[in-house]
Amino acid sequence: MGDIELTEARADVLARYAPDATARRCEWSRGETEVLEVGSGPPLLLVHGALSDACVWLPIMWRLARDHHVFAVDLPGHGLADPFDYTGVDMPVFGSTFLRDILDALHLPSTSIAANSMGGLWSVALALREPERVTGLVLAGAPLGVNLSLPFPLRAAITVCLVPMMGQRLARRMMTIPNREADRKFWCLVLVVRPERLDETLLDEDMASARRNIESHLGLLAHFGDGGMADARRRLNLGEGWQSLRTPTLFLWGERDRFFRGPGEGEALAARNPSLRVTAIPDAGHIPWVDDPDAVVGGIEQHLASAPM
């Protein structure tokens, strides 16, 4: 039932934003996922964050497709990908392996990447391990891999997930969003500054995706919380990896991103690596293209135009 509901909701939001887009199933080394595809030109892979899916990019995907062949992938346990158990996963290693497998499945020797949050961590990890595969990188919304600070609703869900016996059941109830306005409020508390800009078809797809993938999402939250937040920061922080990153990288960070302590985190990294630069977006949150699509699209296009092919 979850697949049918999500497939129908996805069809509606695609018709709203990208009617020319197609979807394909892709195999990777540990399962299958879905990739949305539109446009022509140099390839650009869009990688979403945790508890989201490929459709989160649709408000700007059609604009990026004017100059690029755009692919948006569902991460394991998200969207219409196979369910996935994140227990014991080494996020940087796992994420880079997943993205490498997807590039292979799409027959892309190399590509530019725009990524958000957990997808940013995975994309940087790929660029560090296989730099020849990533020609340019844009981190839209601060990535995992720097000093992490979660908004209260997610901290609460993680804490509840770890309660013995009843924790998963209680967290499941906390994360079951009943209607559009409740989902819009969640986005406002966690992800964006201007929730009124969220289209109803996007909210419907988001809720259907969350319902389908609730068990994978709960497992992911439990993995983040395993060992406490200090341990999570240690496991997810790329540390000196940022200094060795040679892929031309642009940080597009909302000044009101609730996951981090502002774009100063990126500026500190950029001061030690000439391959990195930062553009702060005023009045934007963790998914900045909802709050300011012009700034994000313009930043991506300008950065990729200057990156070597």
Protein backbone atom coordinates (compact mmCIF):
# COMPACT_ATOMS: atom_id res chain seq x y z
CA MET A 1 0.00 0.00 0.00
CA GLY A 2 2.85 2.38 0.80
CA ASP A 3 4.37 1.94 -2.65
CA ILE A 4 1.04 2.72 -4.36
CA GLU A 5 0.40 5.83 -2.25
CA LEU A 6 3.90 7.17 -2.80
CA THR A 7 3.93 6.37 -6.53
CA GLU A 8 0.67 8.29 -6.97
CA ALA A 9 1.85 11.24 -4.87
CA ARG A 10 5.14 11.30 -6.78
CA ALA A 11 3.30 11.33 -10.11
CA ASP A 12 1.31 14.39 -8.94
CA VAL A 13 4.34 16.38 -7.82
CA LEU A 14 6.27 15.48 -10.98
CA ALA A 15 3.34 16.68 -13.10
CA ARG A 16 3.41 19.94 -11.13
CA TYR A 17 7.14 20.66 -11.38
CA ALA A 18 8.82 18.49 -14.03
CA PRO A 19 6.32 16.82 -16.40
CA ASP A 20 9.14 15.86 -18.78
CA ALA A 21 11.05 13.96 -16.10
CA THR A 22 11.34 10.18 -16.24
CA ALA A 23 12.02 7.65 -13.50
CA ARG A 24 14.19 4.55 -13.67
CA ARG A 25 15.08 1.74 -11.31
CA CYS A 26 18.81 1.42 -10.62
CA GLU A 27 20.62 -1.47 -8.98
CA TRP A 28 23.46 -0.87 -6.59
CA SER A 29 25.54 -3.33 -4.61
CA ARG A 30 23.01 -3.71 -1.79
CA GLY A 31 19.63 -3.23 -3.43
CA GLU A 32 17.64 -1.05 -5.80
CA THR A 33 16.60 2.57 -5.83
CA GLU A 34 14.82 5.09 -8.06
CA VAL A 35 16.41 7.91 -10.02
CA LEU A 36 14.50 10.86 -11.50
CA GLU A 37 15.96 12.26 -14.71
CA VAL A 38 15.34 15.34 -16.85
CA GLY A 39 17.18 17.67 -19.23
CA SER A 40 20.25 17.39 -21.43
CA GLY A 41 23.84 18.56 -21.30
CA PRO A 42 26.60 17.88 -18.75
CA PRO A 43 25.47 15.53 -15.97
CA LEU A 44 24.45 16.83 -12.56
CA LEU A 45 23.55 14.46 -9.73
CA LEU A 46 21.30 15.75 -6.92
CA VAL A 47 21.68 14.00 -3.54
CA HIS A 48 19.10 14.70 -0.83
CA GLY A 49 19.48 14.51 2.95
CA ALA A 50 18.22 12.16 5.65
CA LEU A 51 14.44 11.61 6.02
CA SER A 52 13.81 13.23 2.62
CA ASP A 53 13.83 11.91 -0.96
CA ALA A 54 14.67 12.88 -4.53
CA CYS A 55 11.48 14.94 -4.95
CA VAL A 56 12.72 17.57 -2.51
CA TRP A 57 14.80 18.91 -5.43
CA LEU A 58 11.83 19.34 -7.80
CA PRO A 59 11.22 23.05 -7.07
CA ILE A 60 14.59 23.80 -8.73
CA MET A 61 15.28 20.61 -10.70
CA TRP A 62 13.49 21.87 -13.81
CA ARG A 63 15.53 25.07 -13.78
CA LEU A 64 18.83 23.19 -13.46
CA ALA A 65 17.73 20.99 -16.39
CA ARG A 66 17.92 23.97 -18.76
CA ASP A 67 21.71 23.47 -18.95
CA HIS A 68 22.29 20.02 -17.44
CA HIS A 69 21.22 16.41 -17.67
CA VAL A 70 19.91 16.20 -14.11
CA PHE A 71 19.60 13.03 -12.04
CA ALA A 72 18.00 12.98 -8.56
CA VAL A 73 18.49 9.75 -6.60
CA ASP A 74 16.55 8.28 -3.67
CA LEU A 75 18.99 7.27 -0.94
CA PRO A 76 18.62 3.77 0.56
CA GLY A 77 15.53 3.55 2.77
CA HIS A 78 14.12 6.79 1.33
CA GLY A 79 11.60 7.58 -1.40
CA LEU A 80 11.00 4.52 -3.58
CA ALA A 81 14.35 2.90 -2.77
CA ASP A 82 14.46 -0.51 -1.12
CA PRO A 83 14.16 -0.41 2.70
CA PHE A 84 17.53 -0.31 4.43
CA ASP A 85 18.89 -1.09 7.89
CA TYR A 86 21.50 1.52 8.87
CA THR A 87 22.67 -0.34 11.98
CA GLY A 88 26.46 -0.27 12.22
CA VAL A 89 26.95 1.65 8.96
CA ASP A 90 30.12 3.72 8.55
CA MET A 91 28.42 6.71 6.92
CA PRO A 92 31.30 8.18 4.87
CA VAL A 93 32.41 4.79 3.52
CA PHE A 94 28.87 3.55 2.92
CA GLY A 95 27.72 6.80 1.30
CA SER A 96 30.65 7.02 -1.09
CA THR A 97 30.12 3.38 -2.09
CA PHE A 98 26.43 3.99 -2.77
CA LEU A 99 27.10 7.05 -4.93
CA ARG A 100 29.87 5.27 -6.84
CA ASP A 101 27.48 2.40 -7.55
CA ILE A 102 24.82 4.84 -8.78
CA LEU A 103 27.27 6.58 -11.11
CA ASP A 104 28.24 3.17 -12.48
CA ALA A 105 24.58 2.22 -12.95
CA LEU A 106 23.95 5.49 -14.81
CA HIS A 107 27.11 4.96 -16.93
CA LEU A 108 28.58 8.25 -15.70
CA PRO A 109 32.40 8.18 -15.49
CA SER A 110 32.20 11.54 -13.70
CA THR A 111 29.63 14.17 -12.78
CA SER A 112 28.98 17.38 -10.93
CA ILE A 113 27.03 16.95 -7.70
CA ALA A 114 24.71 19.21 -5.70
CA ALA A 115 23.91 17.75 -2.29
CA ASN A 116 22.16 18.50 0.98
CA SER A 117 22.93 17.50 4.59
CA MET A 118 23.64 13.73 4.81
CA GLY A 119 23.86 13.68 1.02
CA GLY A 120 26.57 16.33 1.35
CA LEU A 121 28.60 14.09 3.65
CA TRP A 122 28.28 11.18 1.20
CA SER A 123 29.24 13.36 -1.78
CA VAL A 124 32.32 14.80 -0.07
CA ALA A 125 33.33 11.27 0.94
CA LEU A 126 33.11 10.18 -2.71
CA ALA A 127 35.15 13.19 -3.83
CA LEU A 128 37.83 12.32 -1.26
CA ARG A 129 37.97 8.62 -2.16
CA GLU A 130 37.53 8.91 -5.94
CA PRO A 131 38.19 12.54 -6.92
CA GLU A 132 38.12 11.74 -10.63
CA ARG A 133 34.40 10.94 -10.35
CA VAL A 134 33.33 14.40 -9.05
CA THR A 135 34.10 17.39 -11.29
CA GLY A 136 32.37 20.01 -9.17
CA LEU A 137 30.48 20.01 -5.87
CA VAL A 138 27.83 22.28 -4.38
CA LEU A 139 26.71 21.76 -0.78
CA ALA A 140 23.26 23.40 -0.62
CA GLY A 141 22.45 23.44 3.06
CA ALA A 142 25.23 22.66 5.49
CA PRO A 143 26.46 19.06 5.16
CA LEU A 144 27.00 16.47 7.81
CA GLY A 145 30.73 16.20 8.29
CA VAL A 146 31.13 19.49 10.14
CA ASN A 147 30.12 20.28 13.73
CA LEU A 148 26.60 18.93 14.04
CA SER A 149 23.81 20.61 16.03
CA LEU A 150 20.35 19.07 15.50
CA PRO A 151 17.06 20.98 15.90
CA PHE A 152 15.03 20.01 18.96
CA PRO A 153 12.34 17.88 17.16
CA LEU A 154 15.02 15.60 15.73
CA ARG A 155 16.98 15.44 19.01
CA ALA A 156 13.76 14.43 20.75
CA ALA A 157 12.97 11.73 18.17
CA ILE A 158 16.49 10.31 18.44
CA THR A 159 16.29 10.25 22.24
CA VAL A 160 12.96 8.45 22.17
CA CYS A 161 14.23 5.94 19.59
CA LEU A 162 16.86 4.79 22.07
CA VAL A 163 14.43 4.13 24.94
CA PRO A 164 14.32 0.36 25.58
CA MET A 165 11.17 -1.60 24.73
CA MET A 166 8.74 1.22 23.84
CA GLY A 167 11.12 3.68 22.21
CA GLN A 168 10.60 2.74 18.58
CA ARG A 169 6.81 2.69 19.02
CA LEU A 170 6.78 6.14 20.63
CA ALA A 171 9.14 7.57 18.00
CA ARG A 172 6.94 6.13 15.25
CA ARG A 173 3.99 8.06 16.65
CA MET A 174 6.06 11.25 16.93
CA MET A 175 7.15 10.99 13.29
CA THR A 176 3.73 10.16 11.82
CA ILE A 177 2.54 13.50 10.44
CA PRO A 178 -1.24 13.48 9.91
CA ASN A 179 -1.86 16.29 7.41
CA ARG A 180 -0.36 19.00 5.22
CA GLU A 181 -0.43 21.74 7.83
CA ALA A 182 1.32 19.56 10.40
CA ASP A 183 3.96 18.71 7.80
CA ARG A 184 4.34 22.37 6.88
CA LYS A 185 4.86 23.17 10.58
CA PHE A 186 7.55 20.46 10.83
CA TRP A 187 9.38 21.97 7.83
CA CYS A 188 9.18 25.37 9.54
CA LEU A 189 10.59 24.06 12.82
CA VAL A 190 13.43 22.09 11.19
CA LEU A 191 14.14 22.81 7.53
CA VAL A 192 12.98 26.15 6.10
CA VAL A 193 12.25 29.74 7.01
CA ARG A 194 9.34 30.28 4.58
CA PRO A 195 7.08 27.22 4.81
CA GLU A 196 4.30 29.05 2.95
CA ARG A 197 6.31 28.45 -0.22
CA LEU A 198 5.84 24.68 0.05
CA ASP A 199 3.48 23.38 -2.62
CA GLU A 200 0.72 21.01 -1.44
CA THR A 201 1.75 18.29 -3.89
CA LEU A 202 5.27 18.41 -2.45
CA LEU A 203 3.92 18.05 1.09
CA ASP A 204 1.70 15.12 0.05
CA GLU A 205 4.68 13.33 -1.51
CA ASP A 206 6.80 14.04 1.55
CA MET A 207 4.21 12.53 3.92
CA ALA A 208 3.68 9.47 1.69
CA SER A 209 7.45 8.95 1.55
CA ALA A 210 7.73 9.20 5.35
CA ARG A 211 4.92 6.68 5.86
CA ARG A 212 6.43 4.19 3.42
CA ASN A 213 9.92 4.44 4.93
CA ILE A 214 9.18 4.89 8.63
CA GLU A 215 11.14 1.80 9.74
CA SER A 216 14.24 2.76 7.73
CA HIS A 217 14.00 6.33 9.07
CA LEU A 218 13.69 5.18 12.67
CA GLY A 219 16.72 2.94 12.23
CA LEU A 220 18.68 5.84 10.77
CA LEU A 221 17.78 8.11 13.70
CA ALA A 222 18.76 5.38 16.15
CA HIS A 223 22.09 5.04 14.34
CA PHE A 224 22.69 8.80 14.65
CA GLY A 225 21.97 8.63 18.38
CA ASP A 226 23.90 5.45 19.16
CA GLY A 227 26.64 6.40 21.62
CA GLY A 228 25.27 9.91 22.16
CA MET A 229 25.64 13.14 20.18
CA ALA A 230 29.32 13.56 21.06
CA ASP A 231 30.03 10.17 19.49
CA ALA A 232 27.85 11.04 16.48
CA ARG A 233 29.86 14.21 15.92
CA ARG A 234 33.07 12.18 16.08
CA ARG A 235 31.81 9.51 13.67
CA LEU A 236 30.39 11.94 11.13
CA ASN A 237 32.96 14.74 11.22
CA LEU A 238 35.35 14.56 8.26
CA GLY A 239 37.98 16.51 10.19
CA GLU A 240 41.17 16.99 8.20
CA GLY A 241 39.47 15.45 5.17
CA TRP A 242 38.16 18.92 4.41
CA GLN A 243 41.71 20.19 4.00
CA SER A 244 42.58 17.47 1.49
CA LEU A 245 39.45 17.94 -0.65
CA ARG A 246 40.54 19.07 -4.12
CA THR A 247 37.20 19.11 -5.91
CA PRO A 248 36.06 22.72 -6.47
CA THR A 249 33.39 23.05 -3.80
CA LEU A 250 30.82 25.75 -3.03
CA PHE A 251 29.01 25.94 0.30
CA LEU A 252 25.54 27.51 -0.13
CA TRP A 253 24.52 27.81 3.51
CA GLY A 254 21.41 29.48 4.86
CA GLU A 255 22.19 31.93 7.62
CA ARG A 256 19.26 30.44 9.59
CA ASP A 257 20.22 26.79 9.08
CA ARG A 258 19.20 25.15 12.36
CA PHE A 259 21.52 22.17 11.96
CA PHE A 260 24.71 24.19 12.32
CA ARG A 261 26.19 27.29 13.84
CA GLY A 262 25.90 29.36 10.67
CA PRO A 263 28.09 29.68 7.58
CA GLY A 264 31.08 30.52 9.77
CA GLU A 265 31.68 26.75 9.94
CA GLY A 266 32.23 26.69 6.19
CA GLU A 267 34.26 29.89 6.22
CA ALA A 268 36.67 28.34 8.72
CA LEU A 269 37.15 25.34 6.43
CA ALA A 270 37.53 27.51 3.33
CA ALA A 271 40.24 29.54 5.04
CA ARG A 272 42.38 26.38 5.09
CA ASN A 273 41.57 25.05 1.60
CA PRO A 274 41.55 27.15 -1.60
CA SER A 275 39.28 24.59 -3.28
CA LEU A 276 36.42 25.63 -0.98
CA ARG A 277 34.37 28.80 -0.93
CA VAL A 278 31.23 29.91 0.90
CA THR A 279 28.15 31.91 -0.06
CA ALA A 280 25.77 32.70 2.78
CA ILE A 281 22.07 33.04 1.94
CA PRO A 282 20.16 35.40 4.25
CA ASP A 283 16.78 34.28 5.61
CA ALA A 284 17.26 30.71 4.41
CA GLY A 285 17.30 27.45 6.31
CA HIS A 286 18.64 23.93 5.88
CA ILE A 287 16.89 23.44 2.53
CA PRO A 288 17.75 26.88 1.15
CA TRP A 289 16.25 26.41 -2.33
CA VAL A 290 12.76 26.51 -0.83
CA ASP A 291 13.50 29.87 0.83
CA ASP A 292 15.53 31.42 -1.99
CA PRO A 293 15.49 29.35 -5.20
CA ASP A 294 17.08 32.12 -7.28
CA ALA A 295 20.15 32.31 -5.03
CA VAL A 296 20.61 28.54 -4.99
CA VAL A 297 20.09 27.99 -8.72
CA GLY A 298 22.31 30.95 -9.55
CA GLY A 299 25.02 29.73 -7.19
CA ILE A 300 24.96 26.20 -8.60
CA GLU A 301 25.03 27.33 -12.22
CA GLN A 302 27.80 29.87 -11.70
CA HIS A 303 29.97 27.45 -9.72
CA LEU A 304 29.60 24.57 -12.16
CA ALA A 305 30.25 26.83 -15.14
CA SER A 306 33.63 27.70 -13.64
CA ALA A 307 34.55 24.17 -12.52
CA PRO A 308 36.81 22.11 -14.83
CA MET A 309 34.99 19.42 -16.81
